[in-house]
Amino acid sequence: MIRALVIFLLVASGSALADDWADELRATTRVEPTYPYLAAATGMTAVCRAAYGIDENGRPFDVCVACNTGLERPTPPRTQTLVSQQFVQSVEVAISQWAYSPDLAGYIGVRTEIQFLLADQSPDVLPEPPAMDECRGPQIT
């Protein structure tokens, strides 16, 4: 049986984030990412960071996501890789459905941090946030 899950979406509005990494922008429409089933079944946690721009319609574009995962118990490397990809995909799908106020059109470099944690886990088991080196494209300022 899968334990209850908790997904934390962090933006800098009063949250204590390392290096104030996330922005204060709030989406007017937000779809939460789904916790990958295999990750929940194996007790895997994750911290994901995303960087993107906002287009003229208030929709995210050029979304780049990186995730670091944490393991509750030993998991084969192939499973770890698969689940890491599922976390990234879950965040990409969710953010692609977000909407922002059109007055934010053209905003480049929006940053969001999302934490995946099961309800019975302590935040202490979360891994370190990922480096965003692979997201050095036009969306990063």
N, C-alpha and C. Protein backbone atom coordinates (compact mmCIF):
# COMPACT_ATOMS: atom_id res chain seq x y z
N MET A 1 0.83 -1.18 0.00
CA MET A 1 0.00 0.00 0.00
C MET A 1 0.88 1.25 0.00
N ILE A 2 0.53 2.19 -0.82
CA ILE A 2 1.30 3.43 -0.92
C ILE A 2 0.93 4.37 0.22
N ARG A 3 1.94 4.93 0.83
CA ARG A 3 1.72 5.89 1.90
C ARG A 3 1.19 7.19 1.33
N ALA A 4 0.58 7.99 2.16
CA ALA A 4 0.12 9.31 1.74
C ALA A 4 1.31 10.13 1.28
N LEU A 5 1.09 11.03 0.37
CA LEU A 5 2.19 11.81 -0.14
C LEU A 5 1.94 13.29 0.01
N VAL A 6 3.01 14.01 0.02
CA VAL A 6 2.96 15.45 0.15
C VAL A 6 3.89 16.03 -0.90
N ILE A 7 3.40 17.03 -1.61
CA ILE A 7 4.25 17.74 -2.56
C ILE A 7 4.26 19.19 -2.12
N PHE A 8 5.44 19.72 -1.94
CA PHE A 8 5.58 21.10 -1.54
C PHE A 8 6.02 21.91 -2.75
N LEU A 9 5.30 22.94 -3.04
CA LEU A 9 5.69 23.87 -4.09
C LEU A 9 6.17 25.11 -3.38
N LEU A 10 7.40 25.45 -3.60
CA LEU A 10 7.95 26.57 -2.88
C LEU A 10 8.21 27.75 -3.81
N VAL A 11 7.75 28.88 -3.40
CA VAL A 11 8.16 30.13 -4.01
C VAL A 11 8.63 31.00 -2.86
N ALA A 12 9.38 31.99 -3.13
CA ALA A 12 10.12 32.70 -2.09
C ALA A 12 9.25 33.53 -1.15
N SER A 13 7.97 33.54 -1.29
CA SER A 13 7.13 34.37 -0.43
C SER A 13 7.16 33.88 1.01
N GLY A 14 8.18 34.23 1.73
CA GLY A 14 8.28 33.87 3.13
C GLY A 14 8.88 32.50 3.38
N SER A 15 9.08 31.69 2.36
CA SER A 15 9.68 30.38 2.56
C SER A 15 11.18 30.54 2.73
N ALA A 16 11.75 29.73 3.58
CA ALA A 16 13.19 29.77 3.77
C ALA A 16 13.84 28.84 2.76
N LEU A 17 14.27 29.40 1.65
CA LEU A 17 14.91 28.60 0.61
C LEU A 17 16.39 28.91 0.58
N ALA A 18 17.18 27.90 0.26
CA ALA A 18 18.60 28.11 0.13
C ALA A 18 18.86 29.17 -0.93
N ASP A 19 19.64 30.18 -0.58
CA ASP A 19 20.01 31.25 -1.51
C ASP A 19 18.81 31.95 -2.13
N ASP A 20 17.65 31.91 -1.49
CA ASP A 20 16.45 32.53 -2.05
C ASP A 20 16.29 32.16 -3.52
N TRP A 21 16.39 30.88 -3.81
CA TRP A 21 16.44 30.42 -5.19
C TRP A 21 15.14 30.64 -5.95
N ALA A 22 14.00 30.45 -5.34
CA ALA A 22 12.72 30.57 -6.05
C ALA A 22 12.27 32.01 -6.12
N ASP A 23 11.45 32.31 -7.12
CA ASP A 23 10.91 33.65 -7.31
C ASP A 23 9.59 33.81 -6.58
N GLU A 24 9.17 35.06 -6.40
CA GLU A 24 7.92 35.36 -5.72
C GLU A 24 6.72 35.34 -6.65
N LEU A 25 6.92 35.14 -7.93
CA LEU A 25 5.81 35.15 -8.88
C LEU A 25 4.84 34.02 -8.55
N ARG A 26 3.58 34.31 -8.63
CA ARG A 26 2.55 33.30 -8.35
C ARG A 26 1.72 33.07 -9.60
N ALA A 27 1.57 31.82 -9.95
CA ALA A 27 0.73 31.47 -11.10
C ALA A 27 -0.73 31.69 -10.74
N THR A 28 -1.51 32.21 -11.67
CA THR A 28 -2.95 32.38 -11.44
C THR A 28 -3.67 31.04 -11.57
N THR A 29 -3.10 30.14 -12.37
CA THR A 29 -3.58 28.77 -12.50
C THR A 29 -2.40 27.85 -12.26
N ARG A 30 -2.56 26.93 -11.33
CA ARG A 30 -1.46 26.03 -10.98
C ARG A 30 -1.97 24.60 -10.91
N VAL A 31 -1.29 23.70 -11.57
CA VAL A 31 -1.56 22.27 -11.51
C VAL A 31 -0.38 21.66 -10.76
N GLU A 32 -0.67 20.93 -9.69
CA GLU A 32 0.41 20.32 -8.91
C GLU A 32 0.96 19.10 -9.64
N PRO A 33 2.26 18.87 -9.55
CA PRO A 33 2.83 17.68 -10.17
C PRO A 33 2.37 16.42 -9.43
N THR A 34 2.33 15.32 -10.15
CA THR A 34 1.97 14.05 -9.52
C THR A 34 3.22 13.37 -8.98
N TYR A 35 3.07 12.69 -7.87
CA TYR A 35 4.18 11.95 -7.26
C TYR A 35 4.30 10.65 -8.05
N PRO A 36 5.43 10.38 -8.68
CA PRO A 36 5.54 9.14 -9.45
C PRO A 36 5.27 7.91 -8.58
N TYR A 37 4.46 7.02 -9.10
CA TYR A 37 4.03 5.84 -8.35
C TYR A 37 5.22 5.02 -7.84
N LEU A 38 6.17 4.74 -8.72
CA LEU A 38 7.33 3.93 -8.33
C LEU A 38 8.14 4.63 -7.24
N ALA A 39 8.23 5.95 -7.31
CA ALA A 39 8.95 6.71 -6.28
C ALA A 39 8.25 6.58 -4.94
N ALA A 40 6.94 6.72 -4.94
CA ALA A 40 6.18 6.59 -3.69
C ALA A 40 6.31 5.18 -3.13
N ALA A 41 6.27 4.18 -4.01
CA ALA A 41 6.35 2.78 -3.56
C ALA A 41 7.71 2.46 -2.95
N THR A 42 8.77 3.13 -3.41
CA THR A 42 10.11 2.85 -2.90
C THR A 42 10.56 3.87 -1.86
N GLY A 43 9.70 4.83 -1.52
CA GLY A 43 10.05 5.82 -0.50
C GLY A 43 11.02 6.88 -1.00
N MET A 44 11.08 7.08 -2.31
CA MET A 44 12.01 8.05 -2.87
C MET A 44 11.46 9.46 -2.75
N THR A 45 12.30 10.38 -2.34
CA THR A 45 11.96 11.79 -2.25
C THR A 45 12.71 12.52 -3.36
N ALA A 46 12.36 13.78 -3.57
CA ALA A 46 13.07 14.57 -4.57
C ALA A 46 12.93 16.05 -4.28
N VAL A 47 13.93 16.77 -4.71
CA VAL A 47 13.88 18.23 -4.77
C VAL A 47 14.14 18.58 -6.22
N CYS A 48 13.18 19.28 -6.82
CA CYS A 48 13.29 19.67 -8.23
C CYS A 48 13.29 21.18 -8.32
N ARG A 49 14.09 21.67 -9.24
CA ARG A 49 14.10 23.09 -9.54
C ARG A 49 13.78 23.26 -11.02
N ALA A 50 13.02 24.29 -11.31
CA ALA A 50 12.66 24.58 -12.69
C ALA A 50 12.94 26.05 -12.98
N ALA A 51 13.35 26.31 -14.21
CA ALA A 51 13.56 27.67 -14.68
C ALA A 51 12.85 27.79 -16.03
N TYR A 52 12.21 28.93 -16.26
CA TYR A 52 11.44 29.10 -17.49
C TYR A 52 11.11 30.57 -17.70
N GLY A 53 10.53 30.86 -18.87
CA GLY A 53 10.05 32.20 -19.17
C GLY A 53 8.53 32.19 -19.23
N ILE A 54 7.95 33.38 -19.33
CA ILE A 54 6.50 33.51 -19.45
C ILE A 54 6.21 34.19 -20.80
N ASP A 55 5.39 33.54 -21.63
CA ASP A 55 5.12 34.08 -22.96
C ASP A 55 4.03 35.16 -22.92
N GLU A 56 3.68 35.68 -24.10
CA GLU A 56 2.71 36.78 -24.20
C GLU A 56 1.31 36.41 -23.72
N ASN A 57 1.02 35.11 -23.61
CA ASN A 57 -0.28 34.66 -23.10
C ASN A 57 -0.24 34.29 -21.62
N GLY A 58 0.90 34.54 -20.97
CA GLY A 58 1.04 34.21 -19.56
C GLY A 58 1.34 32.74 -19.30
N ARG A 59 1.80 32.02 -20.33
CA ARG A 59 2.10 30.58 -20.20
C ARG A 59 3.62 30.36 -20.11
N PRO A 60 4.05 29.40 -19.29
CA PRO A 60 5.48 29.09 -19.22
C PRO A 60 5.99 28.54 -20.56
N PHE A 61 7.23 28.88 -20.88
CA PHE A 61 7.88 28.32 -22.07
C PHE A 61 9.34 28.07 -21.74
N ASP A 62 9.99 27.28 -22.56
CA ASP A 62 11.41 26.96 -22.40
C ASP A 62 11.69 26.46 -20.98
N VAL A 63 10.86 25.50 -20.52
CA VAL A 63 10.97 24.97 -19.16
C VAL A 63 12.15 24.02 -19.05
N CYS A 64 13.00 24.26 -18.09
CA CYS A 64 14.14 23.37 -17.83
C CYS A 64 14.02 22.91 -16.38
N VAL A 65 14.02 21.59 -16.17
CA VAL A 65 13.85 21.01 -14.83
C VAL A 65 15.04 20.12 -14.49
N ALA A 66 15.50 20.22 -13.27
CA ALA A 66 16.53 19.32 -12.75
C ALA A 66 16.05 18.83 -11.38
N CYS A 67 16.26 17.54 -11.11
CA CYS A 67 15.83 16.96 -9.83
C CYS A 67 16.96 16.16 -9.20
N ASN A 68 17.06 16.23 -7.90
CA ASN A 68 17.90 15.33 -7.12
C ASN A 68 16.97 14.45 -6.30
N THR A 69 17.27 13.17 -6.26
CA THR A 69 16.42 12.24 -5.53
C THR A 69 17.12 11.71 -4.29
N GLY A 70 16.31 11.32 -3.32
CA GLY A 70 16.79 10.71 -2.09
C GLY A 70 16.10 9.37 -1.93
N LEU A 71 16.82 8.43 -1.36
CA LEU A 71 16.30 7.07 -1.25
C LEU A 71 16.09 6.68 0.20
N GLU A 72 14.96 6.04 0.46
CA GLU A 72 14.69 5.53 1.80
C GLU A 72 15.36 4.18 2.00
N ARG A 73 15.46 3.41 0.92
CA ARG A 73 16.10 2.10 0.99
C ARG A 73 16.85 1.86 -0.31
N PRO A 74 17.79 0.91 -0.32
CA PRO A 74 18.56 0.66 -1.54
C PRO A 74 17.65 0.36 -2.73
N THR A 75 17.95 0.99 -3.84
CA THR A 75 17.18 0.84 -5.07
C THR A 75 18.15 0.64 -6.22
N PRO A 76 17.88 -0.30 -7.13
CA PRO A 76 18.79 -0.52 -8.25
C PRO A 76 19.01 0.76 -9.06
N PRO A 77 20.22 0.97 -9.59
CA PRO A 77 20.52 2.18 -10.36
C PRO A 77 19.55 2.44 -11.52
N ARG A 78 19.11 1.38 -12.22
CA ARG A 78 18.17 1.57 -13.32
C ARG A 78 16.85 2.14 -12.81
N THR A 79 16.42 1.68 -11.65
CA THR A 79 15.18 2.19 -11.06
C THR A 79 15.36 3.65 -10.65
N GLN A 80 16.51 3.97 -10.06
CA GLN A 80 16.79 5.35 -9.66
C GLN A 80 16.72 6.28 -10.87
N THR A 81 17.34 5.88 -11.98
CA THR A 81 17.34 6.69 -13.20
C THR A 81 15.93 6.87 -13.73
N LEU A 82 15.17 5.78 -13.78
CA LEU A 82 13.80 5.85 -14.27
C LEU A 82 12.96 6.79 -13.42
N VAL A 83 13.06 6.66 -12.11
CA VAL A 83 12.25 7.48 -11.22
C VAL A 83 12.69 8.94 -11.30
N SER A 84 13.98 9.20 -11.40
CA SER A 84 14.45 10.58 -11.56
C SER A 84 13.84 11.22 -12.80
N GLN A 85 13.79 10.46 -13.89
CA GLN A 85 13.18 10.96 -15.12
C GLN A 85 11.68 11.21 -14.92
N GLN A 86 11.03 10.36 -14.13
CA GLN A 86 9.60 10.53 -13.88
C GLN A 86 9.33 11.80 -13.06
N PHE A 87 10.21 12.12 -12.10
CA PHE A 87 10.06 13.36 -11.34
C PHE A 87 10.18 14.56 -12.28
N VAL A 88 11.20 14.55 -13.14
CA VAL A 88 11.40 15.64 -14.09
C VAL A 88 10.17 15.80 -14.98
N GLN A 89 9.69 14.69 -15.52
CA GLN A 89 8.53 14.73 -16.41
C GLN A 89 7.29 15.25 -15.68
N SER A 90 7.09 14.81 -14.45
CA SER A 90 5.93 15.25 -13.68
C SER A 90 5.95 16.77 -13.48
N VAL A 91 7.12 17.31 -13.16
CA VAL A 91 7.24 18.76 -12.96
C VAL A 91 7.04 19.50 -14.28
N GLU A 92 7.63 18.99 -15.37
CA GLU A 92 7.46 19.64 -16.68
C GLU A 92 5.99 19.68 -17.09
N VAL A 93 5.29 18.57 -16.92
CA VAL A 93 3.88 18.51 -17.30
C VAL A 93 3.06 19.49 -16.45
N ALA A 94 3.32 19.53 -15.16
CA ALA A 94 2.56 20.43 -14.29
C ALA A 94 2.81 21.89 -14.66
N ILE A 95 4.08 22.29 -14.78
CA ILE A 95 4.40 23.68 -15.07
C ILE A 95 3.86 24.11 -16.43
N SER A 96 3.85 23.21 -17.38
CA SER A 96 3.35 23.56 -18.72
C SER A 96 1.86 23.92 -18.68
N GLN A 97 1.17 23.56 -17.61
CA GLN A 97 -0.25 23.87 -17.47
C GLN A 97 -0.51 25.11 -16.61
N TRP A 98 0.54 25.68 -16.06
CA TRP A 98 0.38 26.87 -15.24
C TRP A 98 0.06 28.08 -16.12
N ALA A 99 -0.53 29.08 -15.53
CA ALA A 99 -0.78 30.34 -16.22
C ALA A 99 -0.45 31.48 -15.27
N TYR A 100 0.08 32.55 -15.85
CA TYR A 100 0.43 33.76 -15.11
C TYR A 100 -0.35 34.93 -15.68
N SER A 101 -0.41 35.99 -14.92
CA SER A 101 -1.06 37.20 -15.40
C SER A 101 -0.35 37.67 -16.67
N PRO A 102 -1.11 38.08 -17.70
CA PRO A 102 -0.49 38.54 -18.94
C PRO A 102 0.47 39.71 -18.75
N ASP A 103 0.33 40.50 -17.64
CA ASP A 103 1.28 41.59 -17.46
C ASP A 103 2.68 41.09 -17.14
N LEU A 104 2.85 39.78 -16.91
CA LEU A 104 4.18 39.20 -16.70
C LEU A 104 4.77 38.67 -18.01
N ALA A 105 4.06 38.90 -19.11
CA ALA A 105 4.54 38.44 -20.42
C ALA A 105 5.96 38.93 -20.66
N GLY A 106 6.78 38.04 -21.14
CA GLY A 106 8.16 38.39 -21.44
C GLY A 106 9.10 38.23 -20.27
N TYR A 107 8.57 37.89 -19.10
CA TYR A 107 9.44 37.68 -17.94
C TYR A 107 10.33 36.47 -18.21
N ILE A 108 11.62 36.63 -18.06
CA ILE A 108 12.59 35.56 -18.33
C ILE A 108 13.28 35.20 -17.01
N GLY A 109 13.48 33.93 -16.79
CA GLY A 109 14.22 33.50 -15.61
C GLY A 109 13.36 33.22 -14.38
N VAL A 110 12.11 32.83 -14.57
CA VAL A 110 11.27 32.44 -13.43
C VAL A 110 11.88 31.18 -12.84
N ARG A 111 11.94 31.12 -11.53
CA ARG A 111 12.53 29.96 -10.86
C ARG A 111 11.58 29.43 -9.80
N THR A 112 11.41 28.11 -9.78
CA THR A 112 10.51 27.46 -8.85
C THR A 112 11.20 26.22 -8.28
N GLU A 113 10.98 25.95 -7.01
CA GLU A 113 11.49 24.73 -6.39
C GLU A 113 10.31 23.91 -5.90
N ILE A 114 10.34 22.62 -6.19
CA ILE A 114 9.28 21.70 -5.79
C ILE A 114 9.91 20.55 -5.02
N GLN A 115 9.35 20.24 -3.86
CA GLN A 115 9.84 19.13 -3.04
C GLN A 115 8.79 18.03 -3.01
N PHE A 116 9.24 16.80 -3.24
CA PHE A 116 8.39 15.62 -3.17
C PHE A 116 8.77 14.87 -1.90
N LEU A 117 7.80 14.71 -1.00
CA LEU A 117 8.05 14.09 0.29
C LEU A 117 6.80 13.32 0.69
N LEU A 118 6.96 12.10 1.13
CA LEU A 118 5.81 11.31 1.61
C LEU A 118 5.40 11.83 2.98
N ALA A 119 4.13 11.70 3.30
CA ALA A 119 3.56 12.29 4.52
C ALA A 119 4.24 11.82 5.79
N ASP A 120 4.74 10.58 5.82
CA ASP A 120 5.36 10.07 7.04
C ASP A 120 6.87 10.28 7.06
N GLN A 121 7.40 11.07 6.13
CA GLN A 121 8.83 11.32 6.08
C GLN A 121 9.15 12.71 6.61
N SER A 122 10.30 12.81 7.23
CA SER A 122 10.79 14.09 7.73
C SER A 122 11.45 14.86 6.59
N PRO A 123 11.33 16.17 6.58
CA PRO A 123 12.04 16.96 5.56
C PRO A 123 13.55 16.74 5.60
N ASP A 124 14.06 16.19 6.70
CA ASP A 124 15.49 15.91 6.80
C ASP A 124 15.96 14.88 5.78
N VAL A 125 15.04 14.06 5.24
CA VAL A 125 15.46 13.04 4.27
C VAL A 125 15.51 13.58 2.85
N LEU A 126 15.09 14.83 2.65
CA LEU A 126 15.16 15.41 1.31
C LEU A 126 16.61 15.58 0.87
N PRO A 127 16.88 15.32 -0.39
CA PRO A 127 18.25 15.54 -0.89
C PRO A 127 18.53 17.03 -1.06
N GLU A 128 19.79 17.34 -1.31
CA GLU A 128 20.17 18.71 -1.61
C GLU A 128 19.52 19.13 -2.92
N PRO A 129 19.18 20.40 -3.08
CA PRO A 129 18.63 20.85 -4.36
C PRO A 129 19.65 20.65 -5.48
N PRO A 130 19.17 20.43 -6.69
CA PRO A 130 20.10 20.21 -7.81
C PRO A 130 20.77 21.51 -8.24
N ALA A 131 21.95 21.35 -8.81
CA ALA A 131 22.60 22.48 -9.47
C ALA A 131 21.87 22.69 -10.78
N MET A 132 21.78 23.88 -11.22
CA MET A 132 21.04 24.15 -12.45
C MET A 132 21.98 24.38 -13.63
N ASP A 133 23.15 23.77 -13.60
CA ASP A 133 24.14 23.96 -14.65
C ASP A 133 23.61 23.63 -16.04
N GLU A 134 22.76 22.59 -16.14
CA GLU A 134 22.23 22.21 -17.44
C GLU A 134 21.18 23.19 -17.94
N CYS A 135 20.76 24.12 -17.10
CA CYS A 135 19.75 25.10 -17.49
C CYS A 135 20.40 26.47 -17.71
N ARG A 136 21.45 26.51 -18.42
CA ARG A 136 22.12 27.78 -18.67
C ARG A 136 21.70 28.41 -19.99
N GLY A 137 20.56 27.97 -20.51
CA GLY A 137 20.04 28.51 -21.76
C GLY A 137 19.48 29.92 -21.57
N PRO A 138 18.68 30.37 -22.51
CA PRO A 138 18.20 31.75 -22.49
C PRO A 138 17.28 32.08 -21.32
N GLN A 139 16.72 31.06 -20.63
CA GLN A 139 15.79 31.35 -19.55
C GLN A 139 16.49 31.73 -18.25
N ILE A 140 17.79 31.55 -18.15
CA ILE A 140 18.51 31.86 -16.92
C ILE A 140 19.18 33.23 -17.05
N THR A 141 18.95 34.08 -16.06
CA THR A 141 19.59 35.39 -16.09
C THR A 141 20.67 35.46 -15.05
